[in-house]
Amino acid sequence: REQGDVIVRMHLLRDGTVISANVVQSSGHAALDAEARDVVLRIAHFPPFPADYLPAQRSFDIDQPILFRLYTH
């Protein structure tokens, strides 16, 4: 029954491969923070960056918000 917002910093190669993921803003709940990090690592691969986007850069850091909410009907 925990809720919260986590920001995970993903380190990606140009081809979209996830190299690492770290929590940079905690939800205040260790279990949610761990799940947010783990979900990025389970995805493991995102679409590649366009060839014309910063062509000399080999990797990128992306901050991804992940929101955990309880919904009741």
PDB file of N, CA and C in Angstrom:
ATOM      1  N   ARG A   1       0.816  -1.201   0.000  1.00  0.00           N
ATOM      2  CA  ARG A   1       0.000   0.000   0.000  1.00  0.00           C
ATOM      3  C   ARG A   1       0.859   1.265   0.000  1.00  0.00           C
ATOM      4  N   GLU A   2       2.042   1.181  -0.575  1.00  0.00           N
ATOM      5  CA  GLU A   2       2.914   2.347  -0.646  1.00  0.00           C
ATOM      6  C   GLU A   2       2.744   3.045  -1.987  1.00  0.00           C
ATOM      7  N   GLN A   3       2.923   4.344  -1.979  1.00  0.00           N
ATOM      8  CA  GLN A   3       2.887   5.158  -3.189  1.00  0.00           C
ATOM      9  C   GLN A   3       4.112   6.053  -3.190  1.00  0.00           C
ATOM     10  N   GLY A   4       4.493   6.513  -4.355  1.00  0.00           N
ATOM     11  CA  GLY A   4       5.605   7.448  -4.417  1.00  0.00           C
ATOM     12  C   GLY A   4       6.127   7.623  -5.822  1.00  0.00           C
ATOM     13  N   ASP A   5       6.978   8.614  -5.957  1.00  0.00           N
ATOM     14  CA  ASP A   5       7.618   8.938  -7.227  1.00  0.00           C
ATOM     15  C   ASP A   5       9.118   8.726  -7.085  1.00  0.00           C
ATOM     16  N   VAL A   6       9.683   8.050  -8.060  1.00  0.00           N
ATOM     17  CA  VAL A   6      11.114   7.759  -8.072  1.00  0.00           C
ATOM     18  C   VAL A   6      11.680   8.321  -9.368  1.00  0.00           C
ATOM     19  N   ILE A   7      12.886   8.841  -9.322  1.00  0.00           N
ATOM     20  CA  ILE A   7      13.580   9.198 -10.553  1.00  0.00           C
ATOM     21  C   ILE A   7      14.804   8.291 -10.661  1.00  0.00           C
ATOM     22  N   VAL A   8      14.856   7.575 -11.776  1.00  0.00           N
ATOM     23  CA  VAL A   8      15.955   6.649 -12.046  1.00  0.00           C
ATOM     24  C   VAL A   8      16.797   7.234 -13.172  1.00  0.00           C
ATOM     25  N   ARG A   9      18.092   7.322 -12.952  1.00  0.00           N
ATOM     26  CA  ARG A   9      19.017   7.747 -14.000  1.00  0.00           C
ATOM     27  C   ARG A   9      19.508   6.504 -14.733  1.00  0.00           C
ATOM     28  N   MET A  10      19.160   6.449 -16.018  1.00  0.00           N
ATOM     29  CA  MET A  10      19.563   5.327 -16.859  1.00  0.00           C
ATOM     30  C   MET A  10      20.781   5.744 -17.670  1.00  0.00           C
ATOM     31  N   HIS A  11      21.768   4.881 -17.723  1.00  0.00           N
ATOM     32  CA  HIS A  11      22.936   5.105 -18.574  1.00  0.00           C
ATOM     33  C   HIS A  11      22.780   4.156 -19.754  1.00  0.00           C
ATOM     34  N   LEU A  12      22.589   4.734 -20.953  1.00  0.00           N
ATOM     35  CA  LEU A  12      22.300   3.955 -22.157  1.00  0.00           C
ATOM     36  C   LEU A  12      23.387   4.126 -23.205  1.00  0.00           C
ATOM     37  N   LEU A  13      23.686   3.039 -23.891  1.00  0.00           N
ATOM     38  CA  LEU A  13      24.534   3.133 -25.071  1.00  0.00           C
ATOM     39  C   LEU A  13      23.708   3.681 -26.227  1.00  0.00           C
ATOM     40  N   ARG A  14      24.375   4.121 -27.254  1.00  0.00           N
ATOM     41  CA  ARG A  14      23.698   4.689 -28.429  1.00  0.00           C
ATOM     42  C   ARG A  14      22.673   3.720 -29.024  1.00  0.00           C
ATOM     43  N   ASP A  15      22.942   2.415 -28.929  1.00  0.00           N
ATOM     44  CA  ASP A  15      22.004   1.433 -29.502  1.00  0.00           C
ATOM     45  C   ASP A  15      20.799   1.155 -28.597  1.00  0.00           C
ATOM     46  N   GLY A  16      20.731   1.814 -27.437  1.00  0.00           N
ATOM     47  CA  GLY A  16      19.600   1.659 -26.520  1.00  0.00           C
ATOM     48  C   GLY A  16      19.831   0.674 -25.392  1.00  0.00           C
ATOM     49  N   THR A  17      20.978   0.018 -25.369  1.00  0.00           N
ATOM     50  CA  THR A  17      21.286  -0.936 -24.307  1.00  0.00           C
ATOM     51  C   THR A  17      21.455  -0.219 -22.976  1.00  0.00           C
ATOM     52  N   VAL A  18      20.805  -0.741 -21.933  1.00  0.00           N
ATOM     53  CA  VAL A  18      20.929  -0.181 -20.587  1.00  0.00           C
ATOM     54  C   VAL A  18      22.234  -0.689 -19.978  1.00  0.00           C
ATOM     55  N   ILE A  19      23.103   0.235 -19.591  1.00  0.00           N
ATOM     56  CA  ILE A  19      24.370  -0.113 -18.945  1.00  0.00           C
ATOM     57  C   ILE A  19      24.218  -0.105 -17.428  1.00  0.00           C
ATOM     58  N   SER A  20      23.465   0.876 -16.914  1.00  0.00           N
ATOM     59  CA  SER A  20      23.238   0.945 -15.472  1.00  0.00           C
ATOM     60  C   SER A  20      21.984   1.764 -15.208  1.00  0.00           C
ATOM     61  N   ALA A  21      21.481   1.619 -13.990  1.00  0.00           N
ATOM     62  CA  ALA A  21      20.323   2.389 -13.537  1.00  0.00           C
ATOM     63  C   ALA A  21      20.493   2.653 -12.050  1.00  0.00           C
ATOM     64  N   ASN A  22      20.332   3.903 -11.659  1.00  0.00           N
ATOM     65  CA  ASN A  22      20.496   4.296 -10.263  1.00  0.00           C
ATOM     66  C   ASN A  22      19.392   5.258  -9.861  1.00  0.00           C
ATOM     67  N   VAL A  23      18.918   5.114  -8.639  1.00  0.00           N
ATOM     68  CA  VAL A  23      17.913   6.029  -8.104  1.00  0.00           C
ATOM     69  C   VAL A  23      18.592   7.349  -7.771  1.00  0.00           C
ATOM     70  N   VAL A  24      18.084   8.439  -8.353  1.00  0.00           N
ATOM     71  CA  VAL A  24      18.629   9.761  -8.053  1.00  0.00           C
ATOM     72  C   VAL A  24      17.657  10.591  -7.219  1.00  0.00           C
ATOM     73  N   GLN A  25      16.400  10.154  -7.163  1.00  0.00           N
ATOM     74  CA  GLN A  25      15.430  10.775  -6.257  1.00  0.00           C
ATOM     75  C   GLN A  25      14.550   9.666  -5.702  1.00  0.00           C
ATOM     76  N   SER A  26      14.587   9.494  -4.403  1.00  0.00           N
ATOM     77  CA  SER A  26      13.876   8.420  -3.731  1.00  0.00           C
ATOM     78  C   SER A  26      12.403   8.752  -3.529  1.00  0.00           C
ATOM     79  N   SER A  27      11.602   7.708  -3.483  1.00  0.00           N
ATOM     80  CA  SER A  27      10.185   7.839  -3.148  1.00  0.00           C
ATOM     81  C   SER A  27       9.991   7.921  -1.641  1.00  0.00           C
ATOM     82  N   GLY A  28      11.031   7.563  -0.902  1.00  0.00           N
ATOM     83  CA  GLY A  28      10.914   7.466   0.545  1.00  0.00           C
ATOM     84  C   GLY A  28      10.604   6.050   1.006  1.00  0.00           C
ATOM     85  N   HIS A  29      10.447   5.132   0.037  1.00  0.00           N
ATOM     86  CA  HIS A  29      10.166   3.731   0.335  1.00  0.00           C
ATOM     87  C   HIS A  29      11.201   2.872  -0.379  1.00  0.00           C
ATOM     88  N   ALA A  30      12.004   2.160   0.395  1.00  0.00           N
ATOM     89  CA  ALA A  30      13.087   1.360  -0.186  1.00  0.00           C
ATOM     90  C   ALA A  30      12.574   0.355  -1.213  1.00  0.00           C
ATOM     91  N   ALA A  31      11.423  -0.266  -0.956  1.00  0.00           N
ATOM     92  CA  ALA A  31      10.896  -1.275  -1.880  1.00  0.00           C
ATOM     93  C   ALA A  31      10.517  -0.651  -3.224  1.00  0.00           C
ATOM     94  N   LEU A  32       9.921   0.533  -3.217  1.00  0.00           N
ATOM     95  CA  LEU A  32       9.559   1.200  -4.465  1.00  0.00           C
ATOM     96  C   LEU A  32      10.799   1.639  -5.225  1.00  0.00           C
ATOM     97  N   ASP A  33      11.778   2.162  -4.498  1.00  0.00           N
ATOM     98  CA  ASP A  33      13.027   2.582  -5.136  1.00  0.00           C
ATOM     99  C   ASP A  33      13.705   1.401  -5.823  1.00  0.00           C
ATOM    100  N   ALA A  34      13.769   0.267  -5.130  1.00  0.00           N
ATOM    101  CA  ALA A  34      14.406  -0.918  -5.692  1.00  0.00           C
ATOM    102  C   ALA A  34      13.642  -1.410  -6.921  1.00  0.00           C
ATOM    103  N   GLU A  35      12.314  -1.407  -6.862  1.00  0.00           N
ATOM    104  CA  GLU A  35      11.523  -1.869  -8.006  1.00  0.00           C
ATOM    105  C   GLU A  35      11.686  -0.943  -9.200  1.00  0.00           C
ATOM    106  N   ALA A  36      11.742   0.359  -8.975  1.00  0.00           N
ATOM    107  CA  ALA A  36      11.924   1.308 -10.077  1.00  0.00           C
ATOM    108  C   ALA A  36      13.252   1.048 -10.780  1.00  0.00           C
ATOM    109  N   ARG A  37      14.294   0.862 -10.008  1.00  0.00           N
ATOM    110  CA  ARG A  37      15.611   0.564 -10.589  1.00  0.00           C
ATOM    111  C   ARG A  37      15.571  -0.771 -11.326  1.00  0.00           C
ATOM    112  N   ASP A  38      14.990  -1.770 -10.690  1.00  0.00           N
ATOM    113  CA  ASP A  38      14.965  -3.111 -11.276  1.00  0.00           C
ATOM    114  C   ASP A  38      14.145  -3.168 -12.561  1.00  0.00           C
ATOM    115  N   VAL A  39      13.061  -2.412 -12.640  1.00  0.00           N
ATOM    116  CA  VAL A  39      12.241  -2.465 -13.857  1.00  0.00           C
ATOM    117  C   VAL A  39      13.030  -1.937 -15.055  1.00  0.00           C
ATOM    118  N   VAL A  40      13.833  -0.905 -14.846  1.00  0.00           N
ATOM    119  CA  VAL A  40      14.670  -0.398 -15.938  1.00  0.00           C
ATOM    120  C   VAL A  40      15.689  -1.457 -16.352  1.00  0.00           C
ATOM    121  N   LEU A  41      16.277  -2.125 -15.375  1.00  0.00           N
ATOM    122  CA  LEU A  41      17.261  -3.166 -15.700  1.00  0.00           C
ATOM    123  C   LEU A  41      16.607  -4.361 -16.389  1.00  0.00           C
ATOM    124  N   ARG A  42      15.357  -4.681 -16.031  1.00  0.00           N
ATOM    125  CA  ARG A  42      14.646  -5.786 -16.702  1.00  0.00           C
ATOM    126  C   ARG A  42      14.309  -5.426 -18.149  1.00  0.00           C
ATOM    127  N   ILE A  43      13.972  -4.170 -18.398  1.00  0.00           N
ATOM    128  CA  ILE A  43      13.702  -3.755 -19.772  1.00  0.00           C
ATOM    129  C   ILE A  43      14.957  -3.966 -20.611  1.00  0.00           C
ATOM    130  N   ALA A  44      16.096  -3.540 -20.089  1.00  0.00           N
ATOM    131  CA  ALA A  44      17.429  -3.823 -20.636  1.00  0.00           C
ATOM    132  C   ALA A  44      17.744  -3.194 -21.990  1.00  0.00           C
ATOM    133  N   HIS A  45      16.738  -2.813 -22.751  1.00  0.00           N
ATOM    134  CA  HIS A  45      17.019  -2.250 -24.074  1.00  0.00           C
ATOM    135  C   HIS A  45      15.885  -1.332 -24.502  1.00  0.00           C
ATOM    136  N   PHE A  46      16.249  -0.142 -24.910  1.00  0.00           N
ATOM    137  CA  PHE A  46      15.310   0.856 -25.417  1.00  0.00           C
ATOM    138  C   PHE A  46      15.607   1.077 -26.899  1.00  0.00           C
ATOM    139  N   PRO A  47      14.730   1.757 -27.619  1.00  0.00           N
ATOM    140  CA  PRO A  47      15.026   2.039 -29.031  1.00  0.00           C
ATOM    141  C   PRO A  47      16.343   2.823 -29.150  1.00  0.00           C
ATOM    142  N   PRO A  48      17.061   2.613 -30.231  1.00  0.00           N
ATOM    143  CA  PRO A  48      18.335   3.336 -30.411  1.00  0.00           C
ATOM    144  C   PRO A  48      18.108   4.831 -30.607  1.00  0.00           C
ATOM    145  N   PHE A  49      19.136   5.597 -30.295  1.00  0.00           N
ATOM    146  CA  PHE A  49      19.101   7.028 -30.548  1.00  0.00           C
ATOM    147  C   PHE A  49      19.272   7.266 -32.043  1.00  0.00           C
ATOM    148  N   PRO A  50      18.616   8.272 -32.587  1.00  0.00           N
ATOM    149  CA  PRO A  50      18.780   8.565 -34.017  1.00  0.00           C
ATOM    150  C   PRO A  50      20.248   8.849 -34.354  1.00  0.00           C
ATOM    151  N   ALA A  51      20.679   8.397 -35.494  1.00  0.00           N
ATOM    152  CA  ALA A  51      22.077   8.555 -35.908  1.00  0.00           C
ATOM    153  C   ALA A  51      22.500  10.014 -35.978  1.00  0.00           C
ATOM    154  N   ASP A  52      21.568  10.907 -36.281  1.00  0.00           N
ATOM    155  CA  ASP A  52      21.918  12.330 -36.409  1.00  0.00           C
ATOM    156  C   ASP A  52      21.811  13.098 -35.086  1.00  0.00           C
ATOM    157  N   TYR A  53      21.466  12.420 -33.999  1.00  0.00           N
ATOM    158  CA  TYR A  53      21.384  13.071 -32.685  1.00  0.00           C
ATOM    159  C   TYR A  53      22.712  12.906 -31.959  1.00  0.00           C
ATOM    160  N   LEU A  54      23.433  14.011 -31.811  1.00  0.00           N
ATOM    161  CA  LEU A  54      24.740  14.012 -31.147  1.00  0.00           C
ATOM    162  C   LEU A  54      25.586  12.813 -31.617  1.00  0.00           C
ATOM    163  N   PRO A  55      25.926  12.768 -32.883  1.00  0.00           N
ATOM    164  CA  PRO A  55      26.576  11.580 -33.458  1.00  0.00           C
ATOM    165  C   PRO A  55      27.897  11.181 -32.806  1.00  0.00           C
ATOM    166  N   ALA A  56      28.610  12.119 -32.200  1.00  0.00           N
ATOM    167  CA  ALA A  56      29.891  11.774 -31.574  1.00  0.00           C
ATOM    168  C   ALA A  56      29.715  11.173 -30.180  1.00  0.00           C
ATOM    169  N   GLN A  57      28.536  11.290 -29.613  1.00  0.00           N
ATOM    170  CA  GLN A  57      28.304  10.800 -28.249  1.00  0.00           C
ATOM    171  C   GLN A  57      27.967   9.313 -28.281  1.00  0.00           C
ATOM    172  N   ARG A  58      28.699   8.532 -27.472  1.00  0.00           N
ATOM    173  CA  ARG A  58      28.538   7.072 -27.473  1.00  0.00           C
ATOM    174  C   ARG A  58      27.542   6.564 -26.448  1.00  0.00           C
ATOM    175  N   SER A  59      27.259   7.389 -25.415  1.00  0.00           N
ATOM    176  CA  SER A  59      26.308   6.972 -24.382  1.00  0.00           C
ATOM    177  C   SER A  59      25.582   8.202 -23.849  1.00  0.00           C
ATOM    178  N   PHE A  60      24.473   7.937 -23.166  1.00  0.00           N
ATOM    179  CA  PHE A  60      23.607   9.014 -22.687  1.00  0.00           C
ATOM    180  C   PHE A  60      23.097   8.681 -21.292  1.00  0.00           C
ATOM    181  N   ASP A  61      22.906   9.722 -20.480  1.00  0.00           N
ATOM    182  CA  ASP A  61      22.243   9.587 -19.183  1.00  0.00           C
ATOM    183  C   ASP A  61      20.864  10.214 -19.312  1.00  0.00           C
ATOM    184  N   ILE A  62      19.841   9.433 -18.971  1.00  0.00           N
ATOM    185  CA  ILE A  62      18.461   9.878 -19.060  1.00  0.00           C
ATOM    186  C   ILE A  62      17.835   9.715 -17.684  1.00  0.00           C
ATOM    187  N   ASP A  63      17.240  10.790 -17.154  1.00  0.00           N
ATOM    188  CA  ASP A  63      16.507  10.701 -15.892  1.00  0.00           C
ATOM    189  C   ASP A  63      15.054  10.365 -16.202  1.00  0.00           C
ATOM    190  N   GLN A  64      14.592   9.219 -15.686  1.00  0.00           N
ATOM    191  CA  GLN A  64      13.252   8.719 -15.970  1.00  0.00           C
ATOM    192  C   GLN A  64      12.411   8.697 -14.698  1.00  0.00           C
ATOM    193  N   PRO A  65      11.337   9.486 -14.659  1.00  0.00           N
ATOM    194  CA  PRO A  65      10.432   9.384 -13.512  1.00  0.00           C
ATOM    195  C   PRO A  65       9.608   8.095 -13.605  1.00  0.00           C
ATOM    196  N   ILE A  66       9.428   7.450 -12.468  1.00  0.00           N
ATOM    197  CA  ILE A  66       8.576   6.269 -12.365  1.00  0.00           C
ATOM    198  C   ILE A  66       7.635   6.520 -11.194  1.00  0.00           C
ATOM    199  N   LEU A  67       6.346   6.457 -11.468  1.00  0.00           N
ATOM    200  CA  LEU A  67       5.320   6.800 -10.485  1.00  0.00           C
ATOM    201  C   LEU A  67       4.594   5.536 -10.041  1.00  0.00           C
ATOM    202  N   PHE A  68       4.471   5.384  -8.739  1.00  0.00           N
ATOM    203  CA  PHE A  68       3.718   4.283  -8.159  1.00  0.00           C
ATOM    204  C   PHE A  68       2.488   4.852  -7.486  1.00  0.00           C
ATOM    205  N   ARG A  69       1.301   4.407  -7.924  1.00  0.00           N
ATOM    206  CA  ARG A  69       0.039   4.903  -7.389  1.00  0.00           C
ATOM    207  C   ARG A  69      -0.888   3.736  -7.086  1.00  0.00           C
ATOM    208  N   LEU A  70      -1.661   3.894  -6.031  1.00  0.00           N
ATOM    209  CA  LEU A  70      -2.730   2.940  -5.715  1.00  0.00           C
ATOM    210  C   LEU A  70      -4.025   3.519  -6.286  1.00  0.00           C
ATOM    211  N   TYR A  71      -4.745   2.704  -6.995  1.00  0.00           N
ATOM    212  CA  TYR A  71      -6.036   3.116  -7.531  1.00  0.00           C
ATOM    213  C   TYR A  71      -7.112   2.218  -6.941  1.00  0.00           C
ATOM    214  N   THR A  72      -8.145   2.830  -6.436  1.00  0.00           N
ATOM    215  CA  THR A  72      -9.270   2.062  -5.912  1.00  0.00           C
ATOM    216  C   THR A  72     -10.501   2.385  -6.733  1.00  0.00           C
ATOM    217  N   HIS A  73     -11.347   1.408  -6.861  1.00  0.00           N
ATOM    218  CA  HIS A  73     -12.556   1.572  -7.680  1.00  0.00           C
ATOM    219  C   HIS A  73     -13.744   1.880  -6.822  1.00  0.00           C
TER     220      HIS A  73
END
